Protein backbone atom coordinates (compact mmCIF):
# COMPACT_ATOMS: atom_id res chain seq x y z
CA MET A 1 119.28 85.02 62.63
CA SER A 2 120.94 85.60 59.26
CA THR A 3 121.99 82.69 57.07
CA ARG A 4 125.60 83.72 57.50
CA SER A 5 125.49 83.59 61.30
CA ARG A 6 123.59 80.27 61.27
CA VAL A 7 126.27 78.66 59.09
CA PHE A 8 129.00 80.08 61.30
CA VAL A 9 127.50 78.56 64.43
CA VAL A 10 127.13 75.12 62.90
CA THR A 11 130.44 74.81 61.03
CA VAL A 12 132.96 76.47 63.34
CA ALA A 13 134.05 74.74 66.52
CA VAL A 14 132.40 76.18 69.61
CA ARG A 15 134.92 77.74 71.99
CA VAL A 16 134.85 77.11 75.73
CA ILE A 17 136.43 80.03 77.58
CA PRO A 18 137.19 80.31 81.30
CA CYS A 19 137.10 83.88 82.58
CA LEU A 20 139.51 85.27 85.14
CA ASP A 21 137.87 88.22 86.91
CA VAL A 22 140.88 89.86 88.54
CA HIS A 23 140.80 92.28 91.46
CA ALA A 24 144.01 93.46 93.15
CA GLY A 25 146.01 90.77 91.37
CA ARG A 26 143.78 87.84 92.43
CA VAL A 27 141.02 85.99 90.63
CA VAL A 28 137.69 86.62 92.36
CA LYS A 29 134.09 85.64 91.77
CA GLY A 30 130.82 86.72 93.30
CA VAL A 31 127.18 87.11 92.36
CA ASN A 32 126.36 90.13 90.17
CA PHE A 33 129.92 91.37 90.81
CA VAL A 34 129.45 91.70 94.60
CA ALA A 35 130.28 89.47 97.59
CA LEU A 36 133.55 88.55 95.90
CA ARG A 37 135.34 85.32 96.89
CA ASP A 38 138.99 84.64 96.24
CA ALA A 39 139.40 81.99 93.53
CA GLY A 40 143.17 81.86 93.22
CA ASP A 41 146.21 83.18 91.39
CA PRO A 42 145.56 84.17 87.76
CA VAL A 43 148.86 82.76 86.54
CA GLU A 44 148.25 79.36 88.15
CA LEU A 45 144.64 79.23 86.99
CA GLY A 46 145.59 80.25 83.46
CA SER A 47 148.14 77.47 83.25
CA PHE A 48 145.64 74.97 84.64
CA TYR A 49 142.93 75.87 82.13
CA ASP A 50 145.42 75.74 79.27
CA ALA A 51 146.30 72.15 80.25
CA GLU A 52 142.59 71.33 80.72
CA GLY A 53 141.84 72.07 77.08
CA ALA A 54 140.29 75.55 77.23
CA ASP A 55 140.13 77.16 73.78
CA GLU A 56 140.84 80.66 74.99
CA LEU A 57 141.28 82.57 78.23
CA THR A 58 139.66 85.88 79.14
CA PHE A 59 141.30 88.11 81.76
CA LEU A 60 139.11 90.96 83.02
CA ASP A 61 140.45 93.46 85.54
CA ILE A 62 137.03 94.16 87.04
CA SER A 63 138.09 97.11 89.17
CA ALA A 64 140.19 98.96 86.57
CA SER A 65 137.42 101.29 85.37
CA VAL A 66 136.09 101.83 88.89
CA GLU A 67 139.51 102.72 90.26
CA GLY A 68 140.56 104.69 87.19
CA ARG A 69 143.80 102.79 86.59
CA GLU A 70 145.37 100.64 83.94
CA THR A 71 145.01 96.90 83.86
CA THR A 72 147.63 95.19 86.01
CA LEU A 73 150.31 94.67 83.38
CA GLU A 74 152.61 92.52 85.46
CA VAL A 75 149.89 89.93 86.03
CA VAL A 76 148.95 90.03 82.34
CA ARG A 77 152.56 89.45 81.32
CA ARG A 78 153.01 86.53 83.70
CA THR A 79 149.72 84.97 82.60
CA ALA A 80 150.57 85.37 78.91
CA GLU A 81 153.93 83.67 79.47
CA THR A 82 152.30 80.55 80.92
CA VAL A 83 149.48 79.92 78.43
CA PHE A 84 149.58 78.81 74.80
CA ILE A 85 145.96 79.62 73.96
CA PRO A 86 144.60 83.02 72.88
CA LEU A 87 144.39 85.52 75.73
CA THR A 88 141.84 88.34 75.78
CA VAL A 89 142.43 91.13 78.30
CA GLY A 90 140.01 93.84 79.39
CA GLY A 91 139.68 96.50 82.06
CA GLY A 92 140.34 100.23 81.92
CA ILE A 93 140.93 100.35 78.15
CA SER A 94 140.10 103.68 76.56
CA SER A 95 142.69 104.43 73.86
CA VAL A 96 144.86 103.06 71.07
CA ASP A 97 147.84 103.37 73.41
CA ASP A 98 146.13 101.16 76.03
CA VAL A 99 145.63 98.47 73.41
CA ASP A 100 149.21 98.75 72.20
CA VAL A 101 150.54 98.28 75.74
CA LEU A 102 148.39 95.19 76.34
CA LEU A 103 149.29 93.57 73.03
CA ARG A 104 152.96 94.13 73.82
CA ALA A 105 152.38 92.57 77.25
CA GLY A 106 151.15 89.38 75.61
CA ALA A 107 147.42 89.82 74.98
CA ASP A 108 146.07 88.45 71.70
CA LYS A 109 142.83 90.43 71.91
CA VAL A 110 141.52 93.25 74.07
CA ALA A 111 138.01 93.76 75.42
CA ILE A 112 136.67 97.29 75.70
CA ASN A 113 133.60 98.33 77.67
CA THR A 114 133.36 101.64 79.54
CA GLY A 115 135.98 103.32 77.35
CA ALA A 116 133.89 102.73 74.23
CA ILE A 117 130.73 104.01 75.90
CA ARG A 118 132.50 107.21 76.92
CA ARG A 119 133.97 107.75 73.45
CA PRO A 120 132.55 105.43 70.77
CA GLU A 121 134.94 106.69 68.10
CA VAL A 122 137.80 104.94 69.90
CA ILE A 123 136.49 101.67 68.39
CA GLY A 124 137.32 102.87 64.88
CA GLU A 125 140.67 104.26 66.01
CA ILE A 126 141.69 100.91 67.50
CA THR A 127 140.53 98.78 64.59
CA ALA A 128 142.17 101.11 62.06
CA ARG A 129 145.48 100.61 63.85
CA PHE A 130 145.33 96.91 64.78
CA GLY A 131 142.47 95.38 62.78
CA ASN A 132 139.04 94.34 64.05
CA GLN A 133 140.24 90.83 64.98
CA VAL A 134 141.91 92.22 68.12
CA LEU A 135 138.92 94.14 69.49
CA VAL A 136 136.11 92.60 71.56
CA LEU A 137 133.19 94.75 72.68
CA SER A 138 132.33 93.67 76.21
CA VAL A 139 128.70 94.40 77.03
CA ASP A 140 127.37 94.06 80.58
CA ALA A 141 123.62 94.07 80.01
CA ARG A 142 120.57 93.65 82.21
CA ARG A 143 116.83 93.71 81.78
CA ALA A 144 115.23 97.15 81.79
CA ASP A 145 111.63 98.12 81.09
CA TRP A 146 112.58 101.49 79.59
CA ALA A 147 114.80 100.04 76.85
CA PRO A 148 113.11 99.30 73.49
CA SER A 149 114.82 95.89 73.35
CA GLY A 150 114.14 95.17 77.01
CA PHE A 151 117.88 95.25 77.84
CA GLU A 152 120.14 98.10 78.92
CA VAL A 153 123.92 98.53 79.11
CA THR A 154 125.66 98.96 82.46
CA THR A 155 129.21 99.96 83.38
CA HIS A 156 131.53 99.69 86.37
CA GLY A 157 130.71 96.09 87.14
CA GLY A 158 126.99 96.62 86.73
CA ARG A 159 126.88 99.46 89.24
CA THR A 160 126.02 102.22 86.77
CA ALA A 161 123.35 102.40 84.08
CA ALA A 162 124.79 103.69 80.82
CA GLU A 163 121.40 104.82 79.49
CA LEU A 164 121.94 102.82 76.31
CA ASP A 165 119.73 100.16 74.80
CA ALA A 166 121.91 97.04 74.81
CA ILE A 167 120.88 95.69 71.41
CA GLU A 168 121.26 99.05 69.72
CA TRP A 169 124.69 99.48 71.36
CA VAL A 170 125.86 96.08 70.11
CA ARG A 171 124.70 96.93 66.59
CA ARG A 172 126.49 100.27 66.77
CA GLY A 173 129.69 98.65 68.03
CA VAL A 174 129.77 96.23 65.10
CA ASP A 175 129.07 99.09 62.69
CA GLN A 176 132.04 100.93 64.25
CA GLY A 177 134.26 97.91 63.62
CA VAL A 178 134.47 95.55 66.61
CA GLY A 179 135.27 91.99 65.63
CA GLU A 180 133.55 90.12 68.45
CA ILE A 181 130.94 90.60 71.17
CA LEU A 182 131.30 89.43 74.77
CA LEU A 183 127.75 89.51 76.10
CA ASN A 184 127.46 89.22 79.86
CA SER A 185 124.07 89.04 81.55
CA MET A 186 124.37 91.02 84.75
CA ASP A 187 121.12 89.52 86.04
CA ALA A 188 122.46 85.98 85.62
CA ASP A 189 126.13 86.64 86.47
CA GLY A 190 127.37 84.27 89.15
CA THR A 191 123.90 82.84 89.83
CA THR A 192 124.55 79.48 88.09
CA ASP A 193 120.89 79.53 86.99
CA GLY A 194 121.65 79.36 83.27
CA PHE A 195 122.40 81.79 80.45
CA ASP A 196 119.92 84.49 79.42
CA LEU A 197 118.81 82.86 76.18
CA GLU A 198 116.45 85.66 75.23
CA MET A 199 119.29 88.18 75.40
CA ILE A 200 121.57 85.96 73.31
CA ARG A 201 118.89 85.56 70.63
CA ALA A 202 118.26 89.31 70.57
CA VAL A 203 121.93 90.08 69.95
CA ARG A 204 122.36 87.28 67.41
CA ALA A 205 119.45 88.69 65.43
CA VAL A 206 121.24 91.99 64.75
CA VAL A 207 124.93 91.08 64.33
CA ASP A 208 126.91 88.40 62.51
CA VAL A 209 130.29 88.73 64.23
CA PRO A 210 131.30 86.01 66.72
CA LEU A 211 129.26 86.17 69.93
CA ILE A 212 130.50 84.97 73.33
CA ALA A 213 127.77 84.22 75.87
CA SER A 214 128.57 84.89 79.52
CA GLY A 215 126.72 84.91 82.82
CA GLY A 216 124.77 82.19 84.56
CA ALA A 217 126.40 78.86 83.70
CA GLY A 218 125.79 76.30 86.42
CA ARG A 219 125.43 72.84 84.82
CA VAL A 220 126.70 71.17 81.68
CA THR A 221 123.14 71.27 80.36
CA ASP A 222 123.22 75.10 80.41
CA PHE A 223 125.79 75.36 77.60
CA PRO A 224 124.13 73.76 74.53
CA PRO A 225 121.02 75.99 74.73
CA ALA A 226 123.25 79.09 74.68
CA ILE A 227 124.85 77.86 71.47
CA ALA A 228 121.48 76.98 69.98
CA ALA A 229 120.37 80.54 70.80
CA GLY A 230 123.22 81.91 68.69
CA ALA A 231 126.43 81.95 70.73
CA ASP A 232 129.66 80.99 68.98
CA ALA A 233 131.49 80.62 72.29
CA VAL A 234 130.54 80.11 75.92
CA LEU A 235 132.34 81.72 78.83
CA ALA A 236 132.13 80.78 82.50
CA ALA A 237 133.97 81.44 85.73
CA THR A 238 132.29 80.21 88.92
CA VAL A 239 131.74 76.62 87.78
CA PHE A 240 135.33 76.26 86.63
CA HIS A 241 137.10 78.11 89.45
CA PHE A 242 135.43 76.18 92.25
CA GLY A 243 135.60 72.77 90.58
CA THR A 244 131.91 72.28 89.82
CA LEU A 245 132.63 71.51 86.17
CA ARG A 246 135.66 70.65 84.06
CA ILE A 247 136.36 71.90 80.55
CA ALA A 248 136.14 68.37 79.12
CA GLU A 249 132.68 67.83 80.65
CA VAL A 250 131.36 71.00 79.04
CA LYS A 251 132.84 70.11 75.65
CA SER A 252 131.35 66.63 75.82
CA ALA A 253 127.89 68.05 76.53
CA ILE A 254 128.20 70.52 73.67
CA GLU A 255 129.34 67.80 71.27
CA ALA A 256 126.57 65.45 72.40
CA ALA A 257 124.08 68.19 71.51
CA GLY A 258 125.39 68.19 67.95
CA PHE A 259 127.78 71.14 67.97
CA PRO A 260 131.44 70.83 66.94
CA VAL A 261 134.18 71.40 69.53
CA ARG A 262 137.95 71.32 69.50
CA HIS A 263 139.52 68.45 71.38
CA ALA A 264 142.82 69.26 73.05
CA ALA A 265 145.88 67.31 72.03
CA LEU A 266 147.21 65.23 74.88
CA ALA A 267 147.76 68.03 77.35
CA PRO A 268 150.09 67.46 80.29
CA THR A 269 148.42 66.63 83.55
CA ALA A 270 148.08 69.78 85.62
CA GLY A 271 147.86 69.96 89.36
CA HIS A 272 145.53 72.48 90.92
């Protein structure tokens, strides 16, 4: 890990980010992106997490690339109107125009995945127009013996191998101009068995932009090790959607481990 990234992790408040995986206008969650269960309405959940003290909210239309359509703009607009924390939106993004539409709909940042793999130069086009602070490279990675780093990139909800080494792809994305990495372990996704710490360390070793760790959170004790491994933010879905953990519990565990967190100002009580 570089000195710069080590200082960043220690001095900047760790963000806790619920993720809304949206399919057909509803929040869903499964294991490894299959056997999906309904988890509720994205607008209601977004409002709830805002009141709970989440630092940001990530909205991923998980079927947009598979179905070849744009992210559901109406749901994005309604979600953006109800939350007062930064909103990142991803799913089916492949052009500057896609980003423009989402920012106008209320997104603060956009996450690109398959679109960047298909045409890597779109990263530079987007950041030249909007700045790198709006662009998150979403990487769905899994273990693979063939890859030099031991990790490969997948697309379409983990259903398709992209034939890219994950660590090399992350490095290339940062070189192209992305401002943040959303690293999701497809092996751990939805399992609640803990984050893939080896993968987090491998990415942290080659980039110094903010890194969001995703995939595998199950207990409050899972979060501090991900931060110690190099994550600047931790993202989870299953444990939050189904009431296993609360945002405040996670922040308390992170703070108890010696990492700074933001404490929400007296948020209104939210029913859920």
